[in-house]
Amino acid sequence: MKRHYYISNDLDDLELVERDLEQAGLLKPQIHVLSEDDAGVELHHLHEVEAVLKKDVVHSTELGAVVGVIGAAAVLVLAWFSGLTETYTWVPAIFLAVVVLGFCTWEGGLIGIGEPHVDFKRFQEELKNGKHILFVDVDRKQEDVLRAVVDKHPKLKAAGDGSSTPRWVVMLQQKWANFMRLAP
């Protein structure tokens, strides 16, 4: 799948775009609107980006975990070379390695809370200026459908593309939405 980004300053038009995309066969989890105007997005019944996904929590947590693994490995190597494991046991070194890994992972997540999502950093100026970002995840088969819908909406300005949510995640989100609609 591939993600296509578009910029607009008209939530009414974005509501029409989303409806047209859904009528053309795209699933709701494939379509998102990123905006500083959360109330306007909700009022227009647009599929908004969840608050936690607007921030770089997941990406920064992953980076923190990588740093933590390196730090934990350094603790274990240092314990082995220092001879500490022969004097005491491996337990203190392993415990410290786990603490280092956990702390670095946690700290990475905390840092990510204060940062915009890595994929959305390039749109910060437009968002501050009151514009909205529509992004659509499509398969190769759906490229023509997306292009046809976008061509009918001249207020949309193409803003590039990027990596998308994996197809299996989109399908899982759709199945969950269908299940929740059927649940009493």
N, C-alpha and C. Protein backbone atom coordinates (compact mmCIF):
# COMPACT_ATOMS: atom_id res chain seq x y z
N MET A 1 0.84 -1.18 0.00
CA MET A 1 0.00 0.00 0.00
C MET A 1 0.88 1.24 0.00
N LYS A 2 0.30 2.33 -0.46
CA LYS A 2 1.00 3.60 -0.54
C LYS A 2 0.09 4.68 0.04
N ARG A 3 0.69 5.63 0.74
CA ARG A 3 -0.08 6.72 1.35
C ARG A 3 0.09 7.98 0.50
N HIS A 4 -1.05 8.61 0.19
CA HIS A 4 -1.06 9.87 -0.56
C HIS A 4 -1.57 10.97 0.36
N TYR A 5 -0.85 12.10 0.36
CA TYR A 5 -1.21 13.24 1.20
C TYR A 5 -1.78 14.36 0.35
N TYR A 6 -2.81 15.05 0.90
CA TYR A 6 -3.41 16.20 0.23
C TYR A 6 -3.67 17.27 1.28
N ILE A 7 -3.56 18.52 0.87
CA ILE A 7 -3.81 19.65 1.76
C ILE A 7 -5.08 20.36 1.31
N SER A 8 -5.89 20.74 2.27
CA SER A 8 -7.12 21.47 1.98
C SER A 8 -7.38 22.44 3.12
N ASN A 9 -8.14 23.47 2.83
CA ASN A 9 -8.55 24.39 3.90
C ASN A 9 -10.07 24.37 4.06
N ASP A 10 -10.73 23.37 3.48
CA ASP A 10 -12.19 23.31 3.47
C ASP A 10 -12.67 21.95 4.00
N LEU A 11 -13.17 21.95 5.22
CA LEU A 11 -13.66 20.70 5.81
C LEU A 11 -14.92 20.20 5.11
N ASP A 12 -15.74 21.11 4.58
CA ASP A 12 -16.92 20.67 3.83
C ASP A 12 -16.51 19.85 2.61
N ASP A 13 -15.50 20.33 1.90
CA ASP A 13 -15.01 19.61 0.73
C ASP A 13 -14.40 18.27 1.14
N LEU A 14 -13.67 18.25 2.25
CA LEU A 14 -13.07 16.99 2.72
C LEU A 14 -14.15 15.97 3.08
N GLU A 15 -15.27 16.45 3.60
CA GLU A 15 -16.37 15.55 3.91
C GLU A 15 -16.90 14.90 2.61
N LEU A 16 -17.01 15.70 1.56
CA LEU A 16 -17.45 15.17 0.27
C LEU A 16 -16.41 14.20 -0.31
N VAL A 17 -15.14 14.54 -0.19
CA VAL A 17 -14.07 13.67 -0.68
C VAL A 17 -14.13 12.32 0.03
N GLU A 18 -14.26 12.35 1.34
CA GLU A 18 -14.31 11.10 2.10
C GLU A 18 -15.51 10.26 1.68
N ARG A 19 -16.64 10.91 1.52
CA ARG A 19 -17.85 10.18 1.09
C ARG A 19 -17.64 9.57 -0.31
N ASP A 20 -17.07 10.36 -1.23
CA ASP A 20 -16.82 9.86 -2.59
C ASP A 20 -15.85 8.68 -2.58
N LEU A 21 -14.82 8.76 -1.75
CA LEU A 21 -13.85 7.66 -1.67
C LEU A 21 -14.50 6.39 -1.14
N GLU A 22 -15.34 6.53 -0.12
CA GLU A 22 -16.02 5.36 0.43
C GLU A 22 -16.99 4.77 -0.58
N GLN A 23 -17.70 5.63 -1.31
CA GLN A 23 -18.63 5.14 -2.34
C GLN A 23 -17.88 4.45 -3.48
N ALA A 24 -16.63 4.84 -3.69
CA ALA A 24 -15.82 4.24 -4.75
C ALA A 24 -15.18 2.93 -4.29
N GLY A 25 -15.39 2.54 -3.04
CA GLY A 25 -14.90 1.25 -2.57
C GLY A 25 -13.78 1.28 -1.56
N LEU A 26 -13.28 2.45 -1.20
CA LEU A 26 -12.24 2.50 -0.18
C LEU A 26 -12.86 2.33 1.20
N LEU A 27 -12.13 1.73 2.09
CA LEU A 27 -12.61 1.51 3.46
C LEU A 27 -12.30 2.71 4.33
N LYS A 28 -13.12 2.94 5.33
CA LYS A 28 -12.92 4.09 6.22
C LYS A 28 -11.53 4.10 6.86
N PRO A 29 -10.98 2.94 7.29
CA PRO A 29 -9.63 2.97 7.87
C PRO A 29 -8.52 3.36 6.89
N GLN A 30 -8.84 3.47 5.61
CA GLN A 30 -7.84 3.90 4.63
C GLN A 30 -7.78 5.42 4.51
N ILE A 31 -8.75 6.11 5.09
CA ILE A 31 -8.91 7.56 4.91
C ILE A 31 -8.79 8.24 6.26
N HIS A 32 -7.94 9.28 6.35
CA HIS A 32 -7.75 10.00 7.60
C HIS A 32 -7.63 11.50 7.32
N VAL A 33 -8.06 12.29 8.29
CA VAL A 33 -7.88 13.73 8.22
C VAL A 33 -7.11 14.17 9.46
N LEU A 34 -6.00 14.86 9.21
CA LEU A 34 -5.17 15.40 10.28
C LEU A 34 -5.43 16.90 10.33
N SER A 35 -5.80 17.41 11.50
CA SER A 35 -6.15 18.81 11.62
C SER A 35 -5.96 19.28 13.05
N GLU A 36 -5.72 20.57 13.19
CA GLU A 36 -5.69 21.17 14.53
C GLU A 36 -7.12 21.45 15.02
N ASP A 37 -8.08 21.47 14.09
CA ASP A 37 -9.48 21.75 14.39
C ASP A 37 -10.22 20.44 14.65
N ASP A 38 -9.98 19.85 15.82
CA ASP A 38 -10.60 18.57 16.16
C ASP A 38 -12.12 18.66 16.19
N ALA A 39 -12.65 19.77 16.69
CA ALA A 39 -14.10 19.95 16.76
C ALA A 39 -14.71 19.99 15.36
N GLY A 40 -14.07 20.70 14.45
CA GLY A 40 -14.57 20.78 13.07
C GLY A 40 -14.53 19.43 12.37
N VAL A 41 -13.46 18.67 12.61
CA VAL A 41 -13.34 17.34 12.01
C VAL A 41 -14.45 16.44 12.53
N GLU A 42 -14.72 16.51 13.83
CA GLU A 42 -15.78 15.69 14.41
C GLU A 42 -17.15 16.14 13.92
N LEU A 43 -17.36 17.43 13.80
CA LEU A 43 -18.63 17.98 13.33
C LEU A 43 -18.94 17.51 11.90
N HIS A 44 -17.91 17.37 11.09
CA HIS A 44 -18.08 16.94 9.70
C HIS A 44 -18.04 15.41 9.55
N HIS A 45 -17.94 14.70 10.68
CA HIS A 45 -17.93 13.23 10.70
C HIS A 45 -16.80 12.65 9.85
N LEU A 46 -15.64 13.29 9.93
CA LEU A 46 -14.47 12.82 9.20
C LEU A 46 -13.71 11.81 10.05
N HIS A 47 -13.00 10.92 9.39
CA HIS A 47 -12.20 9.93 10.10
C HIS A 47 -10.90 10.59 10.53
N GLU A 48 -10.84 11.00 11.78
CA GLU A 48 -9.69 11.76 12.27
C GLU A 48 -8.56 10.84 12.72
N VAL A 49 -7.39 11.43 12.83
CA VAL A 49 -6.23 10.73 13.36
C VAL A 49 -6.34 10.74 14.88
N GLU A 50 -6.20 9.60 15.51
CA GLU A 50 -6.29 9.52 16.96
C GLU A 50 -5.19 10.37 17.59
N ALA A 51 -5.50 10.96 18.73
CA ALA A 51 -4.58 11.90 19.38
C ALA A 51 -3.20 11.28 19.63
N VAL A 52 -3.17 10.03 20.05
CA VAL A 52 -1.88 9.40 20.35
C VAL A 52 -1.06 9.21 19.08
N LEU A 53 -1.72 9.05 17.94
CA LEU A 53 -1.00 8.85 16.69
C LEU A 53 -0.53 10.16 16.06
N LYS A 54 -1.03 11.29 16.58
CA LYS A 54 -0.54 12.59 16.11
C LYS A 54 0.86 12.86 16.68
N LYS A 55 1.17 12.20 17.76
CA LYS A 55 2.47 12.37 18.41
C LYS A 55 3.40 11.23 18.02
N ASP A 56 4.66 11.38 18.30
CA ASP A 56 5.67 10.41 17.87
C ASP A 56 5.96 9.37 18.95
N VAL A 57 4.93 8.98 19.69
CA VAL A 57 5.11 8.07 20.82
C VAL A 57 5.65 6.71 20.37
N VAL A 58 5.02 6.12 19.38
CA VAL A 58 5.39 4.76 18.97
C VAL A 58 6.81 4.75 18.40
N HIS A 59 7.10 5.66 17.49
CA HIS A 59 8.42 5.71 16.86
C HIS A 59 9.50 5.98 17.90
N SER A 60 9.27 6.94 18.79
CA SER A 60 10.27 7.27 19.81
C SER A 60 10.45 6.14 20.82
N THR A 61 9.37 5.44 21.13
CA THR A 61 9.48 4.28 22.03
C THR A 61 10.34 3.20 21.40
N GLU A 62 10.15 2.98 20.10
CA GLU A 62 10.99 2.00 19.39
C GLU A 62 12.46 2.42 19.42
N LEU A 63 12.72 3.70 19.18
CA LEU A 63 14.11 4.18 19.23
C LEU A 63 14.68 4.04 20.63
N GLY A 64 13.87 4.35 21.65
CA GLY A 64 14.30 4.18 23.03
C GLY A 64 14.62 2.73 23.35
N ALA A 65 13.82 1.81 22.80
CA ALA A 65 14.06 0.38 23.02
C ALA A 65 15.38 -0.05 22.39
N VAL A 66 15.68 0.49 21.20
CA VAL A 66 16.95 0.16 20.55
C VAL A 66 18.13 0.64 21.41
N VAL A 67 18.01 1.88 21.91
CA VAL A 67 19.05 2.41 22.79
C VAL A 67 19.14 1.56 24.06
N GLY A 68 17.98 1.14 24.57
CA GLY A 68 17.94 0.29 25.76
C GLY A 68 18.60 -1.06 25.55
N VAL A 69 18.39 -1.67 24.40
CA VAL A 69 19.03 -2.95 24.09
C VAL A 69 20.54 -2.77 24.05
N ILE A 70 21.00 -1.69 23.43
CA ILE A 70 22.44 -1.43 23.38
C ILE A 70 22.99 -1.20 24.79
N GLY A 71 22.26 -0.42 25.58
CA GLY A 71 22.69 -0.16 26.97
C GLY A 71 22.69 -1.43 27.80
N ALA A 72 21.65 -2.26 27.65
CA ALA A 72 21.58 -3.52 28.40
C ALA A 72 22.73 -4.45 28.00
N ALA A 73 23.01 -4.50 26.71
CA ALA A 73 24.13 -5.34 26.25
C ALA A 73 25.45 -4.81 26.82
N ALA A 74 25.60 -3.49 26.87
CA ALA A 74 26.83 -2.91 27.42
C ALA A 74 26.97 -3.27 28.91
N VAL A 75 25.88 -3.24 29.65
CA VAL A 75 25.91 -3.62 31.07
C VAL A 75 26.36 -5.07 31.22
N LEU A 76 25.80 -5.96 30.41
CA LEU A 76 26.15 -7.38 30.51
C LEU A 76 27.60 -7.64 30.09
N VAL A 77 28.05 -6.97 29.05
CA VAL A 77 29.44 -7.13 28.61
C VAL A 77 30.39 -6.60 29.67
N LEU A 78 30.06 -5.44 30.23
CA LEU A 78 30.89 -4.85 31.28
C LEU A 78 30.95 -5.77 32.50
N ALA A 79 29.82 -6.35 32.87
CA ALA A 79 29.79 -7.27 34.02
C ALA A 79 30.65 -8.50 33.75
N TRP A 80 30.62 -8.99 32.54
CA TRP A 80 31.39 -10.18 32.18
C TRP A 80 32.89 -9.89 32.19
N PHE A 81 33.29 -8.77 31.55
CA PHE A 81 34.71 -8.43 31.50
C PHE A 81 35.29 -8.02 32.86
N SER A 82 34.44 -7.46 33.71
CA SER A 82 34.94 -6.99 35.01
C SER A 82 35.12 -8.14 36.01
N GLY A 83 34.53 -9.28 35.70
CA GLY A 83 34.64 -10.41 36.61
C GLY A 83 33.59 -10.38 37.71
N LEU A 84 32.70 -9.43 37.67
CA LEU A 84 31.64 -9.29 38.67
C LEU A 84 30.79 -10.56 38.74
N THR A 85 30.56 -11.18 37.61
CA THR A 85 29.70 -12.36 37.58
C THR A 85 30.34 -13.56 38.28
N GLU A 86 31.66 -13.58 38.36
CA GLU A 86 32.34 -14.67 39.07
C GLU A 86 32.31 -14.43 40.57
N THR A 87 32.35 -13.16 40.98
CA THR A 87 32.34 -12.82 42.41
C THR A 87 30.94 -12.94 43.00
N TYR A 88 29.99 -12.38 42.33
CA TYR A 88 28.60 -12.43 42.83
C TYR A 88 27.83 -13.47 42.02
N THR A 89 26.99 -13.03 41.15
CA THR A 89 26.29 -13.90 40.20
C THR A 89 25.89 -13.01 39.02
N TRP A 90 25.20 -13.60 38.09
CA TRP A 90 24.69 -12.81 36.95
C TRP A 90 23.45 -12.01 37.34
N VAL A 91 22.83 -12.32 38.46
CA VAL A 91 21.54 -11.71 38.82
C VAL A 91 21.61 -10.18 38.87
N PRO A 92 22.56 -9.55 39.58
CA PRO A 92 22.57 -8.08 39.59
C PRO A 92 22.79 -7.48 38.20
N ALA A 93 23.65 -8.09 37.39
CA ALA A 93 23.90 -7.57 36.05
C ALA A 93 22.67 -7.70 35.17
N ILE A 94 22.00 -8.82 35.25
CA ILE A 94 20.78 -9.02 34.45
C ILE A 94 19.69 -8.07 34.91
N PHE A 95 19.56 -7.91 36.22
CA PHE A 95 18.56 -6.98 36.75
C PHE A 95 18.84 -5.56 36.27
N LEU A 96 20.09 -5.13 36.35
CA LEU A 96 20.45 -3.78 35.88
C LEU A 96 20.21 -3.64 34.38
N ALA A 97 20.51 -4.67 33.61
CA ALA A 97 20.27 -4.64 32.16
C ALA A 97 18.78 -4.47 31.86
N VAL A 98 17.94 -5.18 32.59
CA VAL A 98 16.48 -5.06 32.40
C VAL A 98 16.02 -3.65 32.76
N VAL A 99 16.56 -3.10 33.85
CA VAL A 99 16.20 -1.74 34.26
C VAL A 99 16.62 -0.72 33.20
N VAL A 100 17.83 -0.87 32.67
CA VAL A 100 18.32 0.04 31.62
C VAL A 100 17.42 -0.05 30.39
N LEU A 101 17.09 -1.26 29.97
CA LEU A 101 16.21 -1.44 28.81
C LEU A 101 14.85 -0.79 29.06
N GLY A 102 14.26 -1.06 30.20
CA GLY A 102 12.95 -0.48 30.53
C GLY A 102 12.98 1.03 30.61
N PHE A 103 14.01 1.57 31.26
CA PHE A 103 14.11 3.02 31.41
C PHE A 103 14.26 3.71 30.05
N CYS A 104 15.14 3.19 29.21
CA CYS A 104 15.37 3.81 27.89
C CYS A 104 14.11 3.75 27.03
N THR A 105 13.41 2.63 27.08
CA THR A 105 12.16 2.49 26.31
C THR A 105 11.12 3.48 26.81
N TRP A 106 10.97 3.57 28.12
CA TRP A 106 10.01 4.49 28.73
C TRP A 106 10.37 5.94 28.40
N GLU A 107 11.63 6.27 28.53
CA GLU A 107 12.08 7.64 28.25
C GLU A 107 11.86 8.00 26.79
N GLY A 108 12.10 7.05 25.88
CA GLY A 108 11.83 7.29 24.46
C GLY A 108 10.38 7.64 24.23
N GLY A 109 9.47 6.92 24.87
CA GLY A 109 8.05 7.22 24.76
C GLY A 109 7.70 8.59 25.30
N LEU A 110 8.31 8.95 26.43
CA LEU A 110 8.05 10.28 27.00
C LEU A 110 8.54 11.39 26.08
N ILE A 111 9.68 11.20 25.47
CA ILE A 111 10.19 12.19 24.53
C ILE A 111 9.24 12.30 23.34
N GLY A 112 8.72 11.16 22.87
CA GLY A 112 7.81 11.16 21.72
C GLY A 112 6.51 11.87 21.96
N ILE A 113 6.06 11.92 23.23
CA ILE A 113 4.81 12.61 23.54
C ILE A 113 4.89 14.09 23.17
N GLY A 114 6.06 14.67 23.28
CA GLY A 114 6.23 16.09 22.99
C GLY A 114 6.56 16.41 21.55
N GLU A 115 6.66 15.40 20.70
CA GLU A 115 7.06 15.61 19.31
C GLU A 115 5.91 15.24 18.37
N PRO A 116 5.74 15.98 17.27
CA PRO A 116 4.76 15.54 16.28
C PRO A 116 5.23 14.25 15.62
N HIS A 117 4.29 13.47 15.15
CA HIS A 117 4.61 12.20 14.50
C HIS A 117 5.62 12.45 13.38
N VAL A 118 6.56 11.55 13.24
CA VAL A 118 7.65 11.70 12.27
C VAL A 118 7.11 11.87 10.85
N ASP A 119 6.00 11.23 10.51
CA ASP A 119 5.42 11.36 9.17
C ASP A 119 4.68 12.69 8.96
N PHE A 120 4.32 13.37 10.06
CA PHE A 120 3.53 14.58 9.94
C PHE A 120 4.32 15.86 10.19
N LYS A 121 5.61 15.74 10.52
CA LYS A 121 6.42 16.93 10.81
C LYS A 121 6.44 17.92 9.66
N ARG A 122 6.44 17.41 8.44
CA ARG A 122 6.52 18.30 7.27
C ARG A 122 5.26 19.14 7.08
N PHE A 123 4.17 18.80 7.77
CA PHE A 123 2.92 19.53 7.62
C PHE A 123 2.63 20.50 8.76
N GLN A 124 3.55 20.68 9.67
CA GLN A 124 3.30 21.50 10.86
C GLN A 124 2.94 22.94 10.51
N GLU A 125 3.59 23.51 9.52
CA GLU A 125 3.31 24.90 9.14
C GLU A 125 1.90 25.04 8.58
N GLU A 126 1.50 24.09 7.72
CA GLU A 126 0.14 24.13 7.15
C GLU A 126 -0.91 23.95 8.24
N LEU A 127 -0.66 23.04 9.17
CA LEU A 127 -1.60 22.82 10.26
C LEU A 127 -1.74 24.06 11.13
N LYS A 128 -0.63 24.74 11.41
CA LYS A 128 -0.67 25.97 12.21
C LYS A 128 -1.44 27.07 11.49
N ASN A 129 -1.43 27.03 10.16
CA ASN A 129 -2.14 28.03 9.37
C ASN A 129 -3.60 27.66 9.13
N GLY A 130 -4.09 26.64 9.85
CA GLY A 130 -5.50 26.28 9.78
C GLY A 130 -5.88 25.35 8.65
N LYS A 131 -4.91 24.79 7.97
CA LYS A 131 -5.22 23.85 6.89
C LYS A 131 -5.35 22.44 7.46
N HIS A 132 -5.86 21.56 6.64
CA HIS A 132 -6.11 20.18 7.04
C HIS A 132 -5.40 19.25 6.06
N ILE A 133 -4.94 18.12 6.57
CA ILE A 133 -4.21 17.15 5.77
C ILE A 133 -5.08 15.90 5.62
N LEU A 134 -5.39 15.57 4.39
CA LEU A 134 -6.08 14.32 4.09
C LEU A 134 -5.03 13.33 3.65
N PHE A 135 -5.02 12.15 4.24
CA PHE A 135 -4.14 11.11 3.71
C PHE A 135 -4.92 9.83 3.52
N VAL A 136 -4.60 9.18 2.40
CA VAL A 136 -5.34 8.01 1.96
C VAL A 136 -4.34 6.90 1.65
N ASP A 137 -4.56 5.73 2.23
CA ASP A 137 -3.74 4.55 1.98
C ASP A 137 -4.42 3.71 0.91
N VAL A 138 -3.75 3.47 -0.21
CA VAL A 138 -4.37 2.71 -1.30
C VAL A 138 -3.44 1.62 -1.82
N ASP A 139 -4.08 0.56 -2.35
CA ASP A 139 -3.36 -0.47 -3.09
C ASP A 139 -3.12 0.05 -4.50
N ARG A 140 -2.29 -0.64 -5.25
CA ARG A 140 -2.05 -0.26 -6.65
C ARG A 140 -3.35 -0.27 -7.44
N LYS A 141 -4.23 -1.23 -7.13
CA LYS A 141 -5.51 -1.34 -7.85
C LYS A 141 -6.41 -0.13 -7.59
N GLN A 142 -6.21 0.53 -6.46
CA GLN A 142 -7.09 1.64 -6.08
C GLN A 142 -6.53 3.01 -6.48
N GLU A 143 -5.36 3.04 -7.06
CA GLU A 143 -4.73 4.32 -7.45
C GLU A 143 -5.62 5.11 -8.41
N ASP A 144 -6.19 4.42 -9.40
CA ASP A 144 -7.04 5.10 -10.39
C ASP A 144 -8.31 5.64 -9.75
N VAL A 145 -8.87 4.90 -8.80
CA VAL A 145 -10.06 5.35 -8.08
C VAL A 145 -9.75 6.63 -7.31
N LEU A 146 -8.63 6.62 -6.60
CA LEU A 146 -8.22 7.81 -5.84
C LEU A 146 -8.01 8.99 -6.76
N ARG A 147 -7.31 8.78 -7.85
CA ARG A 147 -7.04 9.86 -8.80
C ARG A 147 -8.34 10.44 -9.36
N ALA A 148 -9.32 9.58 -9.68
CA ALA A 148 -10.60 10.03 -10.22
C ALA A 148 -11.35 10.89 -9.20
N VAL A 149 -11.35 10.48 -7.96
CA VAL A 149 -12.05 11.25 -6.91
C VAL A 149 -11.34 12.58 -6.67
N VAL A 150 -10.02 12.55 -6.59
CA VAL A 150 -9.25 13.77 -6.34
C VAL A 150 -9.43 14.77 -7.48
N ASP A 151 -9.51 14.27 -8.70
CA ASP A 151 -9.69 15.17 -9.85
C ASP A 151 -11.01 15.91 -9.79
N LYS A 152 -12.02 15.34 -9.12
CA LYS A 152 -13.33 16.00 -8.98
C LYS A 152 -13.32 17.07 -7.90
N HIS A 153 -12.24 17.18 -7.14
CA HIS A 153 -12.17 18.13 -6.02
C HIS A 153 -10.94 19.03 -6.18
N PRO A 154 -11.09 20.11 -6.92
CA PRO A 154 -9.94 20.98 -7.22
C PRO A 154 -9.37 21.71 -6.00
N LYS A 155 -10.08 21.72 -4.88
CA LYS A 155 -9.56 22.39 -3.68
C LYS A 155 -8.45 21.59 -3.01
N LEU A 156 -8.33 20.31 -3.38
CA LEU A 156 -7.27 19.47 -2.82
C LEU A 156 -5.96 19.76 -3.52
N LYS A 157 -4.92 19.94 -2.73
CA LYS A 157 -3.58 20.15 -3.28
C LYS A 157 -2.73 18.95 -2.90
N ALA A 158 -2.17 18.28 -3.90
CA ALA A 158 -1.32 17.11 -3.64
C ALA A 158 -0.11 17.54 -2.82
N ALA A 159 0.24 16.71 -1.81
CA ALA A 159 1.35 17.06 -0.91
C ALA A 159 2.33 15.90 -0.76
N GLY A 160 2.36 15.01 -1.75
CA GLY A 160 3.34 13.94 -1.71
C GLY A 160 2.76 12.61 -1.29
N ASP A 161 3.65 11.67 -1.09
CA ASP A 161 3.24 10.34 -0.67
C ASP A 161 4.27 9.76 0.29
N GLY A 162 3.96 8.59 0.81
CA GLY A 162 4.85 7.97 1.77
C GLY A 162 4.41 6.56 2.07
N SER A 163 5.01 5.99 3.10
CA SER A 163 4.66 4.62 3.48
C SER A 163 3.32 4.64 4.22
N SER A 164 2.59 3.55 4.07
CA SER A 164 1.25 3.51 4.64
C SER A 164 1.14 2.47 5.75
N THR A 165 -0.02 2.45 6.33
CA THR A 165 -0.37 1.41 7.28
C THR A 165 -0.43 0.09 6.51
N PRO A 166 0.10 -0.99 7.06
CA PRO A 166 0.03 -2.27 6.34
C PRO A 166 -1.41 -2.69 6.06
N ARG A 167 -1.62 -3.34 4.95
CA ARG A 167 -2.97 -3.74 4.54
C ARG A 167 -3.65 -4.59 5.60
N TRP A 168 -2.91 -5.50 6.25
CA TRP A 168 -3.54 -6.36 7.24
C TRP A 168 -4.06 -5.55 8.43
N VAL A 169 -3.42 -4.44 8.75
CA VAL A 169 -3.90 -3.59 9.85
C VAL A 169 -5.19 -2.89 9.43
N VAL A 170 -5.22 -2.39 8.20
CA VAL A 170 -6.43 -1.73 7.69
C VAL A 170 -7.60 -2.71 7.71
N MET A 171 -7.37 -3.93 7.25
CA MET A 171 -8.44 -4.93 7.23
C MET A 171 -8.89 -5.29 8.64
N LEU A 172 -7.94 -5.38 9.57
CA LEU A 172 -8.29 -5.67 10.96
C LEU A 172 -9.13 -4.53 11.56
N GLN A 173 -8.76 -3.29 11.25
CA GLN A 173 -9.53 -2.15 11.73
C GLN A 173 -10.96 -2.18 11.17
N GLN A 174 -11.09 -2.54 9.90
CA GLN A 174 -12.41 -2.61 9.29
C GLN A 174 -13.25 -3.71 9.92
N LYS A 175 -12.64 -4.87 10.15
CA LYS A 175 -13.36 -5.98 10.79
C LYS A 175 -13.81 -5.58 12.20
N TRP A 176 -12.95 -4.88 12.92
CA TRP A 176 -13.31 -4.44 14.26
C TRP A 176 -14.48 -3.45 14.21
N ALA A 177 -14.43 -2.51 13.27
CA ALA A 177 -15.54 -1.54 13.13
C ALA A 177 -16.84 -2.26 12.79
N ASN A 178 -16.77 -3.24 11.90
CA ASN A 178 -17.97 -4.01 11.55
C ASN A 178 -18.51 -4.77 12.76
N PHE A 179 -17.60 -5.37 13.54
CA PHE A 179 -18.00 -6.10 14.74
C PHE A 179 -18.68 -5.16 15.74
N MET A 180 -18.10 -3.98 15.94
CA MET A 180 -18.66 -3.03 16.91
C MET A 180 -20.02 -2.51 16.48
N ARG A 181 -20.23 -2.40 15.16
CA ARG A 181 -21.54 -1.97 14.65
C ARG A 181 -22.60 -3.02 14.92
N LEU A 182 -22.20 -4.30 14.88
CA LEU A 182 -23.15 -5.39 15.07
C LEU A 182 -23.39 -5.72 16.55
N ALA A 183 -22.42 -5.35 17.39
CA ALA A 183 -22.54 -5.67 18.82
C ALA A 183 -23.67 -4.86 19.44
N PRO A 184 -24.43 -5.50 20.36
CA PRO A 184 -25.56 -4.80 20.99
C PRO A 184 -25.14 -3.70 21.90
